[in-house]
């Protein structure tokens, strides 16, 4: 369960980072796309983890 909490926290940190990148660079910047992919991977990892429980 601790791992789930850590991933949730990491997801939230990455969401905030993504929002800042969008504000600074716009939706079509490569940095935004890369950060979005990182966030997607974290969310997928979270889903796989909670499906175990």
N, C-alpha and C. Protein backbone atom coordinates (compact mmCIF):
# COMPACT_ATOMS: atom_id res chain seq x y z
N UNK A 1 0.81 -1.21 0.00
CA UNK A 1 0.00 0.00 0.00
C UNK A 1 0.85 1.27 0.00
N UNK A 2 2.02 1.18 0.60
CA UNK A 2 2.91 2.35 0.63
C UNK A 2 3.31 2.73 -0.79
N UNK A 3 3.54 1.73 -1.62
CA UNK A 3 3.93 2.00 -3.01
C UNK A 3 2.83 2.75 -3.76
N UNK A 4 1.58 2.41 -3.48
CA UNK A 4 0.46 3.10 -4.12
C UNK A 4 0.48 4.58 -3.74
N UNK A 5 0.68 4.87 -2.47
CA UNK A 5 0.74 6.27 -2.02
C UNK A 5 1.89 7.01 -2.69
N UNK A 6 3.04 6.36 -2.81
CA UNK A 6 4.19 7.00 -3.43
C UNK A 6 3.91 7.31 -4.90
N UNK A 7 3.29 6.38 -5.59
CA UNK A 7 2.98 6.61 -7.01
C UNK A 7 1.96 7.73 -7.15
N UNK A 8 0.95 7.73 -6.29
CA UNK A 8 -0.04 8.82 -6.34
C UNK A 8 0.63 10.18 -6.14
N UNK A 9 1.54 10.25 -5.19
CA UNK A 9 2.26 11.50 -4.95
C UNK A 9 3.10 11.89 -6.16
N UNK A 10 3.76 10.90 -6.75
CA UNK A 10 4.59 11.15 -7.93
C UNK A 10 3.72 11.61 -9.11
N UNK A 11 2.55 11.01 -9.25
CA UNK A 11 1.61 11.43 -10.31
C UNK A 11 1.23 12.89 -10.11
N UNK A 12 0.91 13.27 -8.89
CA UNK A 12 0.50 14.65 -8.64
C UNK A 12 1.64 15.63 -8.92
N UNK A 13 2.85 15.29 -8.52
CA UNK A 13 3.99 16.15 -8.81
C UNK A 13 4.19 16.32 -10.31
N UNK A 14 4.03 15.23 -11.05
CA UNK A 14 4.20 15.29 -12.49
C UNK A 14 3.07 16.04 -13.18
N UNK A 15 1.87 15.96 -12.64
CA UNK A 15 0.75 16.76 -13.17
C UNK A 15 1.03 18.25 -13.02
N UNK A 16 1.51 18.62 -11.86
CA UNK A 16 1.83 20.03 -11.63
C UNK A 16 2.94 20.49 -12.57
N UNK A 17 3.94 19.65 -12.75
CA UNK A 17 5.03 19.98 -13.67
C UNK A 17 4.50 20.15 -15.09
N UNK A 18 3.61 19.26 -15.50
CA UNK A 18 3.01 19.35 -16.83
C UNK A 18 2.23 20.65 -16.99
N UNK A 19 1.46 21.02 -15.99
CA UNK A 19 0.70 22.28 -16.06
C UNK A 19 1.64 23.48 -16.23
N UNK A 20 2.74 23.48 -15.47
CA UNK A 20 3.69 24.60 -15.59
C UNK A 20 4.31 24.64 -16.99
N UNK A 21 4.64 23.48 -17.53
CA UNK A 21 5.21 23.44 -18.88
C UNK A 21 4.22 23.95 -19.92
N UNK A 22 2.97 23.57 -19.78
CA UNK A 22 1.94 24.04 -20.73
C UNK A 22 1.80 25.55 -20.65
N UNK A 23 1.77 26.08 -19.43
CA UNK A 23 1.66 27.53 -19.26
C UNK A 23 2.84 28.26 -19.89
N UNK A 24 4.03 27.68 -19.75
CA UNK A 24 5.24 28.34 -20.23
C UNK A 24 5.47 28.15 -21.73
N UNK A 25 5.19 26.95 -22.24
CA UNK A 25 5.57 26.62 -23.61
C UNK A 25 4.40 26.37 -24.57
N UNK A 26 3.20 26.19 -24.05
CA UNK A 26 2.06 25.87 -24.91
C UNK A 26 1.92 24.36 -25.09
N UNK A 27 0.80 23.97 -25.65
CA UNK A 27 0.46 22.55 -25.75
C UNK A 27 1.30 21.77 -26.75
N UNK A 28 1.87 22.42 -27.73
CA UNK A 28 2.53 21.71 -28.82
C UNK A 28 4.05 21.59 -28.66
N UNK A 29 4.57 21.98 -27.52
CA UNK A 29 6.02 21.92 -27.31
C UNK A 29 6.46 20.48 -27.01
N UNK A 30 7.65 20.13 -27.46
CA UNK A 30 8.19 18.79 -27.23
C UNK A 30 8.32 18.46 -25.75
N UNK A 31 8.67 19.46 -24.94
CA UNK A 31 8.79 19.23 -23.50
C UNK A 31 7.46 18.81 -22.90
N UNK A 32 6.39 19.41 -23.38
CA UNK A 32 5.05 19.09 -22.89
C UNK A 32 4.69 17.66 -23.30
N UNK A 33 4.97 17.31 -24.52
CA UNK A 33 4.68 15.96 -24.99
C UNK A 33 5.45 14.92 -24.18
N UNK A 34 6.73 15.16 -23.96
CA UNK A 34 7.54 14.22 -23.18
C UNK A 34 7.01 14.08 -21.76
N UNK A 35 6.67 15.20 -21.14
CA UNK A 35 6.15 15.14 -19.77
C UNK A 35 4.80 14.44 -19.73
N UNK A 36 3.99 14.63 -20.73
CA UNK A 36 2.71 13.95 -20.82
C UNK A 36 2.90 12.44 -20.91
N UNK A 37 3.91 12.01 -21.64
CA UNK A 37 4.19 10.57 -21.76
C UNK A 37 4.69 10.01 -20.42
N UNK A 38 5.50 10.78 -19.71
CA UNK A 38 5.94 10.35 -18.38
C UNK A 38 4.74 10.17 -17.46
N UNK A 39 3.84 11.14 -17.49
CA UNK A 39 2.65 11.08 -16.66
C UNK A 39 1.77 9.89 -17.04
N UNK A 40 1.61 9.64 -18.33
CA UNK A 40 0.83 8.48 -18.78
C UNK A 40 1.41 7.19 -18.23
N UNK A 41 2.73 7.06 -18.27
CA UNK A 41 3.38 5.84 -17.77
C UNK A 41 3.14 5.67 -16.27
N UNK A 42 3.22 6.76 -15.53
CA UNK A 42 2.96 6.68 -14.09
C UNK A 42 1.52 6.27 -13.80
N UNK A 43 0.59 6.83 -14.55
CA UNK A 43 -0.82 6.49 -14.36
C UNK A 43 -1.06 5.02 -14.71
N UNK A 44 -0.45 4.55 -15.78
CA UNK A 44 -0.59 3.14 -16.14
C UNK A 44 0.00 2.24 -15.06
N UNK A 45 1.14 2.63 -14.52
CA UNK A 45 1.76 1.85 -13.44
C UNK A 45 0.84 1.80 -12.23
N UNK A 46 0.23 2.94 -11.92
CA UNK A 46 -0.71 3.01 -10.79
C UNK A 46 -1.89 2.08 -11.01
N UNK A 47 -2.44 2.11 -12.20
CA UNK A 47 -3.60 1.26 -12.50
C UNK A 47 -3.22 -0.22 -12.38
N UNK A 48 -2.07 -0.59 -12.94
CA UNK A 48 -1.64 -1.99 -12.83
C UNK A 48 -1.46 -2.39 -11.37
N UNK A 49 -0.93 -1.50 -10.58
CA UNK A 49 -0.69 -1.79 -9.18
C UNK A 49 -1.99 -1.97 -8.39
N UNK A 50 -2.94 -1.08 -8.61
CA UNK A 50 -4.19 -1.21 -7.84
C UNK A 50 -5.02 -2.39 -8.32
N UNK A 51 -4.83 -2.84 -9.54
CA UNK A 51 -5.55 -4.02 -10.03
C UNK A 51 -5.08 -5.28 -9.30
N UNK A 52 -3.86 -5.27 -8.76
CA UNK A 52 -3.34 -6.40 -8.00
C UNK A 52 -4.09 -6.58 -6.69
N UNK A 53 -4.56 -5.47 -6.11
CA UNK A 53 -5.18 -5.51 -4.79
C UNK A 53 -6.65 -5.66 -4.87
